[in-house]
C-alpha cells in the first residue's frame, strides 16, 4: 500500500493550469532548441527561441481569458469567435517572431512578409494545439463534474428512497403494538400492558441506533428480532415458537437494518395468529460462496390451505398472502431493489404440506466494525425463548387484538 493517497491532477484547477502551461511551453522551447542545435544554428538562435516562447506563453494567457468567457456560450458563437481570435493571435505571434528573426539574422536577405509566412505555420501549430487542448481538457472536466453530480444525486435519491421505505416500518409496527397495549388496558391488565410498553421502548431505542438507510450485521439484526419477539410473545405466549440458526461466518455479514423484521411479523400474522396451536418461525443465515442467504419460514397453513378456506367462505380469517402480501413483503422487495439492483434474490416458496418460506440472497459484505483477527461469534442455534415467563394476557385478548399488513 502507498504511504499516502495520490492527489488528482485536476483537483486544483488553477494549479493544474499553471503546471500544464510551464510543461507545455517548456517542452516546445526544448524541442525547438534541440532542432536548432541539430541543424547547426548559431547560438543566438537560442535567444530567439526563448523570446518566442515567452511571447507564446503570454499570448496563451490572454487566450485563456477569452476562451473562458466563450466556453458556455452557444456553439456557433464559441467556435466562430474562437476561430477569429485564434487567427488574430497567430498573426500577432508570427509578426513578432518575424520581426525578432530580422533582428537576429540581419545579414540574411529576407523580407518581413517572407519571415511572417515561415513563422505563421509554426505559430499556428503551437497556438492551435494549445487551444484544442484547452477546450478538450475543460470539456472533459465539465463532463466529469456532471457525472459526479449525477452520481451524487442518484445516491441521494437512493438513500432517500431507502429511508422512506424504512420509515414505513415504524408506524406499521407501532400500530400493531399500541393496539395490543390498548386492548390490555381496556381489559384492566395493567401489568402485561406495562411490560409490553417497556419492551416496546427497548425495541425502539435499539432501532434508533442505526440510520434509516444504514446497515447492521446479521447478529445485530437477530438481537433486534429478539426484542421484537419478546413483545409479540406477550400476546401469543407458548403459541409463538422461534428458532434461530446463524452460521458463525454469516453472523458478521452486513444487511439493511430491519430487513428481516417484516418477514417475522408477516409470519406471526399469517401463521401464528390464525392457528389455535400457533406456529414455529425459523430463521437461518449462511454463506454460499460470496453470497449471504437468509431464510425465514413458518409452519402456518400455507397458501393451499388459505385457498381452501377462502372457497369455504372464511377468506376474512385467512387472507391469501399470494394476493395481498401487505406492506412488509413489498417493502422488502423495494429495499432490496434499491440497495442491490439485480444482484439480489427474493423468492417465496409454499410447500405442498403447508408453511411459508422466504429466501433472500444478497452479496456478502463484511461488517466494517469487525476485526479480522477476532474469533467469529458463536452460532445462534438455541430457540429464542424468554428466560422468564412473561405476565399472561387473557386468552380473550389474543382474539381481540388485531394486526395490520
Protein backbone atom coordinates (compact mmCIF):
# COMPACT_ATOMS: atom_id res chain seq x y z
CA UNK A 1 0.00 0.00 0.00
CA UNK A 2 1.15 3.52 -0.71
CA UNK A 3 2.04 5.57 2.40
CA UNK A 4 -0.07 8.43 1.02
CA UNK A 5 -3.11 8.93 -1.14
CA UNK A 6 -2.27 10.48 -4.55
CA UNK A 7 -4.00 13.79 -5.20
CA UNK A 8 -5.87 14.01 -8.51
CA UNK A 9 -4.05 16.22 -11.01
CA UNK A 10 -7.11 18.41 -11.68
CA UNK A 11 -8.32 18.67 -8.09
CA UNK A 12 -6.87 22.22 -8.01
CA UNK A 13 -7.73 23.54 -11.48
CA UNK A 14 -5.72 26.74 -11.13
CA UNK A 15 -2.58 24.85 -10.11
CA UNK A 16 -3.11 22.28 -12.88
CA UNK A 17 -3.40 25.09 -15.46
CA UNK A 18 -0.09 26.64 -14.49
CA UNK A 19 1.63 23.26 -14.38
CA UNK A 20 0.43 22.48 -17.89
CA UNK A 21 1.47 25.93 -19.08
CA UNK A 22 5.04 25.54 -17.90
CA UNK A 23 5.30 21.93 -19.02
CA UNK A 24 3.80 22.60 -22.47
CA UNK A 25 5.70 25.74 -23.38
CA UNK A 26 8.88 24.45 -21.78
CA UNK A 27 8.64 21.29 -23.87
CA UNK A 28 8.02 23.31 -27.04
CA UNK A 29 11.06 25.53 -26.32
CA UNK A 30 13.24 22.49 -25.66
CA UNK A 31 12.11 20.83 -28.89
CA UNK A 32 12.85 23.95 -30.97
CA UNK A 33 16.23 24.42 -29.28
CA UNK A 34 17.23 20.82 -29.96
CA UNK A 35 16.10 21.19 -33.58
CA UNK A 36 18.26 24.32 -33.94
CA UNK A 37 21.30 22.61 -32.43
CA UNK A 38 20.83 19.62 -34.75
CA UNK A 39 20.73 21.98 -37.74
CA UNK A 40 23.93 23.74 -36.61
CA UNK A 41 22.20 27.05 -35.86
CA UNK A 42 24.17 29.84 -34.25
CA UNK A 43 23.96 30.38 -30.50
CA UNK A 44 21.83 33.50 -30.97
CA UNK A 45 19.10 31.16 -32.23
CA UNK A 46 18.51 30.15 -28.60
CA UNK A 47 17.74 33.79 -27.76
CA UNK A 48 15.12 33.82 -30.50
CA UNK A 49 13.60 30.59 -29.12
CA UNK A 50 13.49 31.99 -25.58
CA UNK A 51 11.80 35.25 -26.61
CA UNK A 52 9.37 33.40 -28.90
CA UNK A 53 8.43 31.02 -26.06
CA UNK A 54 7.79 33.87 -23.62
CA UNK A 55 5.67 35.60 -26.29
CA UNK A 56 3.61 32.45 -26.91
CA UNK A 57 3.24 31.87 -23.16
CA UNK A 58 1.91 35.42 -22.68
CA UNK A 59 -0.47 35.24 -25.65
CA UNK A 60 -1.88 31.94 -24.40
CA UNK A 61 -2.73 33.56 -21.06
CA UNK A 62 -4.81 36.15 -22.88
CA UNK A 63 -6.42 33.40 -24.96
CA UNK A 64 -7.33 31.52 -21.77
CA UNK A 65 -9.29 34.54 -20.51
CA UNK A 66 -11.13 34.88 -23.83
CA UNK A 67 -11.85 31.15 -24.13
CA UNK A 68 -13.15 31.02 -20.57
CA UNK A 69 -15.71 33.69 -21.47
CA UNK A 70 -16.72 31.78 -24.61
CA UNK A 71 -16.84 28.31 -23.06
CA UNK A 72 -20.52 28.10 -22.08
CA UNK A 73 -21.90 30.14 -24.96
CA UNK A 74 -23.84 28.75 -27.92
CA UNK A 75 -21.69 26.54 -30.18
CA UNK A 76 -21.85 28.94 -33.16
CA UNK A 77 -20.67 31.86 -31.04
CA UNK A 78 -17.99 29.80 -29.28
CA UNK A 79 -16.38 28.21 -32.31
CA UNK A 80 -16.84 31.20 -34.63
CA UNK A 81 -15.29 33.65 -32.17
CA UNK A 82 -12.54 31.15 -31.32
CA UNK A 83 -11.53 30.84 -34.97
CA UNK A 84 -11.38 34.63 -35.42
CA UNK A 85 -9.46 35.21 -32.18
CA UNK A 86 -7.05 32.35 -32.90
CA UNK A 87 -6.29 33.70 -36.39
CA UNK A 88 -5.68 37.18 -34.94
CA UNK A 89 -3.32 35.92 -32.22
CA UNK A 90 -1.41 33.66 -34.62
CA UNK A 91 -0.93 36.66 -36.89
CA UNK A 92 0.39 38.74 -33.98
CA UNK A 93 2.63 35.87 -32.88
CA UNK A 94 4.05 35.38 -36.41
CA UNK A 95 4.68 39.12 -36.87
CA UNK A 96 6.60 39.27 -33.58
CA UNK A 97 8.64 36.17 -34.47
CA UNK A 98 9.34 37.55 -37.96
CA UNK A 99 10.44 40.89 -36.58
CA UNK A 100 12.73 39.21 -33.99
CA UNK A 101 14.22 36.97 -36.68
CA UNK A 102 15.04 40.06 -38.70
CA UNK A 103 16.98 41.47 -35.75
CA UNK A 104 18.82 38.24 -35.00
CA UNK A 105 19.57 37.40 -38.64
CA UNK A 106 20.17 40.90 -40.02
CA UNK A 107 22.67 39.54 -42.54
CA UNK A 108 20.03 37.48 -44.34
CA UNK A 109 18.13 38.94 -47.27
CA UNK A 110 14.53 38.11 -46.35
CA UNK A 111 11.60 40.45 -46.13
CA UNK A 112 9.23 40.65 -43.17
CA UNK A 113 6.48 39.11 -45.28
CA UNK A 114 8.65 36.09 -46.05
CA UNK A 115 9.60 35.64 -42.42
CA UNK A 116 5.93 36.07 -41.42
CA UNK A 117 4.87 33.23 -43.72
CA UNK A 118 7.59 30.99 -42.35
CA UNK A 119 6.65 31.53 -38.70
CA UNK A 120 2.88 31.62 -39.32
CA UNK A 121 2.76 27.85 -39.84
CA UNK A 122 4.88 27.19 -36.74
CA UNK A 123 2.89 29.54 -34.53
CA UNK A 124 -0.44 28.26 -35.87
CA UNK A 125 0.60 24.74 -34.88
CA UNK A 126 1.58 25.88 -31.37
CA UNK A 127 -1.43 28.07 -30.59
CA UNK A 128 -3.83 25.75 -32.43
CA UNK A 129 -2.67 22.75 -30.39
CA UNK A 130 -2.82 24.83 -27.20
CA UNK A 131 -6.41 25.92 -27.98
CA UNK A 132 -7.51 22.37 -28.79
CA UNK A 133 -6.04 21.07 -25.52
CA UNK A 134 -7.60 23.91 -23.56
CA UNK A 135 -11.12 23.14 -24.82
CA UNK A 136 -10.63 19.37 -24.64
CA UNK A 137 -9.45 19.44 -21.02
CA UNK A 138 -12.18 21.82 -19.92
CA UNK A 139 -14.91 19.83 -21.65
CA UNK A 140 -13.55 16.68 -20.06
CA UNK A 141 -13.63 18.32 -16.63
CA UNK A 142 -17.15 19.57 -17.24
CA UNK A 143 -18.35 16.08 -18.20
CA UNK A 144 -16.64 14.64 -15.13
CA UNK A 145 -18.32 17.22 -12.89
CA UNK A 146 -21.71 16.48 -14.41
CA UNK A 147 -21.16 12.74 -13.97
CA UNK A 148 -20.11 13.23 -10.34
CA UNK A 149 -23.11 15.48 -9.72
CA UNK A 150 -25.45 12.93 -11.30
CA UNK A 151 -23.90 10.14 -9.25
CA UNK A 152 -24.35 12.16 -6.06
CA UNK A 153 -27.97 12.91 -6.95
CA UNK A 154 -28.64 9.25 -7.67
CA UNK A 155 -27.01 8.27 -4.39
CA UNK A 156 -29.08 10.85 -2.52
CA UNK A 157 -32.24 9.62 -4.24
CA UNK A 158 -31.40 6.03 -3.30
CA UNK A 159 -30.74 7.00 0.31
CA UNK A 160 -33.99 8.97 0.42
CA UNK A 161 -35.90 6.03 -1.04
CA UNK A 162 -34.35 3.61 1.45
CA UNK A 163 -35.14 5.99 4.29
CA UNK A 164 -38.75 6.29 3.14
CA UNK A 165 -39.11 2.51 2.96
CA UNK A 166 -37.53 2.13 6.37
CA UNK A 167 -39.82 4.73 7.90
CA UNK A 168 -42.82 2.76 6.66
CA UNK A 169 -41.96 0.02 9.16
CA UNK A 170 -42.12 2.11 12.30
CA UNK A 171 -45.77 3.27 12.14
CA UNK A 172 -46.72 -0.15 10.77
CA UNK A 173 -45.25 -1.96 13.77
CA UNK A 174 -46.30 0.68 16.26
CA UNK A 175 -49.92 0.39 15.19
CA UNK A 176 -49.97 -3.31 15.98
CA UNK A 177 -48.22 -2.98 19.32
CA UNK A 178 -50.17 0.03 20.53
CA UNK A 179 -53.37 -1.72 19.54
CA UNK A 180 -52.33 -4.65 21.72
CA UNK A 181 -51.47 -2.35 24.64
CA UNK A 182 -54.79 -0.55 24.24
CA UNK A 183 -56.68 -3.83 24.44
CA UNK A 184 -54.77 -4.85 27.58
CA UNK A 185 -55.58 -1.51 29.20
CA UNK A 186 -59.27 -1.86 28.35
CA UNK A 187 -59.23 -5.31 29.96
CA UNK A 188 -57.53 -3.74 33.01
CA UNK A 189 -54.43 -5.89 32.52
CA UNK A 190 -52.04 -3.15 33.63
CA UNK A 191 -49.08 -5.39 34.45
CA UNK A 192 -48.77 -7.01 30.98
CA UNK A 193 -49.53 -3.65 29.36
CA UNK A 194 -46.71 -2.02 31.32
CA UNK A 195 -44.35 -4.91 30.45
CA UNK A 196 -45.22 -4.55 26.76
CA UNK A 197 -44.60 -0.79 26.89
CA UNK A 198 -41.19 -1.41 28.50
CA UNK A 199 -40.20 -3.89 25.81
CA UNK A 200 -41.54 -1.60 23.09
CA UNK A 201 -39.34 1.18 24.46
CA UNK A 202 -36.29 -1.13 24.39
CA UNK A 203 -37.03 -2.18 20.83
CA UNK A 204 -37.47 1.37 19.55
CA UNK A 205 -34.33 2.53 21.36
CA UNK A 206 -32.41 -0.28 19.72
CA UNK A 207 -33.70 0.51 16.23
CA UNK A 208 -32.93 4.22 16.55
CA UNK A 209 -29.22 3.44 16.88
CA UNK A 210 -28.94 2.74 13.14
CA UNK A 211 -29.54 5.23 10.34
CA UNK A 212 -32.66 4.75 8.17
CA UNK A 213 -30.55 3.72 5.18
CA UNK A 214 -27.80 2.13 7.24
CA UNK A 215 -26.71 -1.46 7.57
CA UNK A 216 -26.23 -3.76 10.52
CA UNK A 217 -24.71 -7.19 10.93
CA UNK A 218 -26.84 -10.31 10.92
CA UNK A 219 -26.04 -10.79 14.61
CA UNK A 220 -27.35 -7.30 15.39
CA UNK A 221 -30.47 -7.92 13.33
CA UNK A 222 -31.10 -11.13 15.28
CA UNK A 223 -30.81 -9.25 18.58
CA UNK A 224 -33.33 -6.71 17.30
CA UNK A 225 -35.67 -9.53 16.29
CA UNK A 226 -35.43 -11.00 19.78
CA UNK A 227 -36.57 -7.68 21.25
CA UNK A 228 -39.47 -7.61 18.81
CA UNK A 229 -40.41 -11.23 19.57
CA UNK A 230 -40.40 -10.51 23.30
CA UNK A 231 -43.18 -8.02 22.62
CA UNK A 232 -45.16 -10.41 20.44
CA UNK A 233 -44.71 -13.23 22.95
CA UNK A 234 -46.67 -11.14 25.43
CA UNK A 235 -49.67 -11.72 23.17
CA UNK A 236 -49.17 -15.27 21.95
CA UNK A 237 -47.22 -16.87 24.82
CA UNK A 238 -46.38 -20.52 24.04
CA UNK A 239 -48.13 -20.35 20.68
CA UNK A 240 -45.14 -18.41 19.33
CA UNK A 241 -42.08 -20.63 18.96
CA UNK A 242 -38.89 -19.34 17.33
CA UNK A 243 -35.60 -20.92 16.27
CA UNK A 244 -32.51 -19.09 15.00
CA UNK A 245 -29.72 -20.85 13.12
CA UNK A 246 -27.00 -18.43 12.04
CA UNK A 247 -23.64 -19.74 10.86
CA UNK A 248 -20.64 -18.07 12.53
CA UNK A 249 -19.33 -16.92 9.13
CA UNK A 250 -22.66 -15.24 8.35
CA UNK A 251 -23.11 -13.52 11.71
CA UNK A 252 -20.88 -10.57 10.75
CA UNK A 253 -22.40 -10.05 7.29
CA UNK A 254 -23.99 -6.65 6.67
CA UNK A 255 -27.65 -6.30 5.71
CA UNK A 256 -30.06 -3.33 5.61
CA UNK A 257 -31.38 -2.62 9.09
CA UNK A 258 -34.80 -4.06 9.95
CA UNK A 259 -34.79 -6.15 6.78
CA UNK A 260 -35.99 -9.37 8.45
CA UNK A 261 -38.45 -7.90 10.95
CA UNK A 262 -41.30 -7.57 8.42
CA UNK A 263 -40.85 -11.24 7.46
CA UNK A 264 -41.20 -12.32 11.08
CA UNK A 265 -44.16 -10.00 11.52
CA UNK A 266 -45.73 -11.47 8.38
CA UNK A 267 -45.25 -14.98 9.77
CA UNK A 268 -46.87 -14.01 13.07
CA UNK A 269 -49.87 -12.57 11.27
CA UNK A 270 -50.48 -15.42 8.85
CA UNK A 271 -49.09 -18.43 10.73
CA UNK A 272 -49.22 -17.88 14.50
CA UNK A 273 -52.34 -15.76 14.86
CA UNK A 274 -54.87 -17.86 12.83
CA UNK A 275 -53.95 -21.21 14.39
CA UNK A 276 -55.01 -22.27 17.87
CA UNK A 277 -51.81 -24.25 18.32
CA UNK A 278 -49.69 -21.40 16.98
CA UNK A 279 -46.67 -21.99 14.76
CA UNK A 280 -42.89 -22.15 14.71
CA UNK A 281 -40.89 -19.40 12.99
CA UNK A 282 -37.40 -20.30 11.85
CA UNK A 283 -34.59 -18.02 10.71
CA UNK A 284 -31.37 -19.29 9.16
CA UNK A 285 -28.42 -17.47 7.65
CA UNK A 286 -25.44 -18.96 5.85
CA UNK A 287 -22.73 -18.04 3.37
CA UNK A 288 -22.78 -19.67 -0.06
CA UNK A 289 -19.63 -18.72 -1.96
CA UNK A 290 -19.60 -14.90 -1.81
CA UNK A 291 -23.32 -14.51 -1.17
CA UNK A 292 -25.37 -14.38 2.01
CA UNK A 293 -28.53 -16.49 2.06
CA UNK A 294 -31.21 -15.82 4.68
CA UNK A 295 -34.31 -17.95 5.05
CA UNK A 296 -37.39 -17.15 7.13
CA UNK A 297 -40.03 -19.89 7.29
CA UNK A 298 -43.09 -20.73 9.35
CA UNK A 299 -45.27 -23.77 9.97
CA UNK A 300 -48.50 -21.96 9.20
CA UNK A 301 -51.35 -23.13 6.97
CA UNK A 302 -49.62 -22.03 3.76
CA UNK A 303 -51.30 -20.75 0.60
CA UNK A 304 -53.01 -24.02 -0.26
CA UNK A 305 -54.97 -24.17 2.99
CA UNK A 306 -55.77 -20.49 2.71
CA UNK A 307 -57.25 -21.09 -0.75
CA UNK A 308 -59.50 -23.87 0.64
CA UNK A 309 -60.64 -21.67 3.49
CA UNK A 310 -61.41 -18.86 1.06
CA UNK A 311 -63.60 -21.15 -1.07
CA UNK A 312 -65.45 -22.22 2.10
CA UNK A 313 -66.29 -18.61 2.91
CA UNK A 314 -63.59 -17.98 5.53
CA UNK A 315 -61.34 -15.72 3.49
CA UNK A 316 -61.54 -12.99 6.10
CA UNK A 317 -59.84 -15.20 8.67
CA UNK A 318 -57.14 -16.46 6.29
CA UNK A 319 -56.26 -13.80 3.68
CA UNK A 320 -54.19 -15.10 0.78
CA UNK A 321 -50.60 -13.96 1.00
CA UNK A 322 -50.12 -14.59 -2.70
CA UNK A 323 -52.67 -11.86 -3.42
CA UNK A 324 -52.09 -9.38 -0.59
CA UNK A 325 -48.63 -9.53 0.91
CA UNK A 326 -49.07 -6.21 2.73
CA UNK A 327 -46.51 -3.51 3.38
CA UNK A 328 -43.93 -5.93 4.81
CA UNK A 329 -43.03 -8.07 1.79
CA UNK A 330 -43.49 -5.25 -0.72
CA UNK A 331 -41.28 -3.07 1.46
CA UNK A 332 -38.53 -5.69 1.47
CA UNK A 333 -38.70 -6.09 -2.33
CA UNK A 334 -38.34 -2.34 -2.81
CA UNK A 335 -35.48 -2.03 -0.32
CA UNK A 336 -33.55 -4.89 -1.90
CA UNK A 337 -34.08 -3.42 -5.37
CA UNK A 338 -32.86 -0.01 -4.23
CA UNK A 339 -29.84 -1.38 -2.36
CA UNK A 340 -28.67 -4.18 -4.68
CA UNK A 341 -30.42 -3.80 -8.04
CA UNK A 342 -30.27 -7.07 -9.95
CA UNK A 343 -27.67 -8.53 -7.58
CA UNK A 344 -30.25 -9.90 -5.15
CA UNK A 345 -32.69 -12.80 -4.95
CA UNK A 346 -36.10 -12.64 -3.29
CA UNK A 347 -38.02 -15.89 -3.55
CA UNK A 348 -41.23 -17.11 -1.93
CA UNK A 349 -41.79 -20.84 -1.52
CA UNK A 350 -45.03 -22.54 -0.48
CA UNK A 351 -44.55 -26.28 0.18
CA UNK A 352 -47.44 -28.62 -0.62
CA UNK A 353 -47.72 -29.71 3.02
CA UNK A 354 -48.16 -26.15 4.25
CA UNK A 355 -45.89 -23.47 5.58
CA UNK A 356 -44.45 -20.35 4.05
CA UNK A 357 -40.79 -19.67 3.24
CA UNK A 358 -39.00 -16.53 2.06
CA UNK A 359 -35.43 -16.79 0.75
CA UNK A 360 -33.20 -13.72 0.39
CA UNK A 361 -29.76 -13.77 -1.21
CA UNK A 362 -27.54 -10.70 -1.38
CA UNK A 363 -23.81 -10.09 -1.98
CA UNK A 364 -21.72 -10.72 1.12
CA UNK A 365 -20.41 -7.59 2.84
CA UNK A 366 -18.41 -7.90 6.00
CA UNK A 367 -19.20 -5.52 8.83
CA UNK A 368 -16.78 -2.58 8.90
CA UNK A 369 -16.59 -2.56 12.67
CA UNK A 370 -15.46 -6.18 12.85
CA UNK A 371 -11.83 -7.06 13.44
CA UNK A 372 -10.47 -9.72 11.11
CA UNK A 373 -8.35 -11.15 13.89
CA UNK A 374 -11.25 -11.57 16.30
CA UNK A 375 -12.80 -15.02 16.61
CA UNK A 376 -16.22 -15.43 15.00
CA UNK A 377 -19.24 -15.19 17.29
CA UNK A 378 -20.92 -18.43 18.35
CA UNK A 379 -23.77 -19.66 16.15
CA UNK A 380 -27.34 -18.99 17.12
CA UNK A 381 -28.82 -22.47 17.49
CA UNK A 382 -30.99 -22.25 20.56
CA UNK A 383 -34.64 -21.36 20.35
CA UNK A 384 -35.20 -17.72 21.17
CA UNK A 385 -37.41 -18.26 24.20
CA UNK A 386 -37.50 -15.79 27.09
CA UNK A 387 -35.65 -16.66 30.25
CA UNK A 388 -38.74 -15.99 32.38
CA UNK A 389 -42.44 -16.40 31.98
CA UNK A 390 -43.97 -13.10 30.90
CA UNK A 391 -47.16 -11.83 32.50
CA UNK A 392 -50.05 -13.62 30.86
CA UNK A 393 -52.53 -11.68 28.83
CA UNK A 394 -56.08 -13.01 28.96
CA UNK A 395 -56.98 -15.50 26.26
CA UNK A 396 -59.73 -13.23 25.11
CA UNK A 397 -57.20 -10.55 24.31
CA UNK A 398 -55.47 -12.77 21.79
CA UNK A 399 -58.53 -12.88 19.60
CA UNK A 400 -59.43 -9.24 20.14
CA UNK A 401 -56.01 -7.85 19.30
CA UNK A 402 -55.59 -7.43 15.55
CA UNK A 403 -52.60 -6.92 13.28
CA UNK A 404 -52.27 -4.89 10.14
CA UNK A 405 -50.40 -5.65 6.94
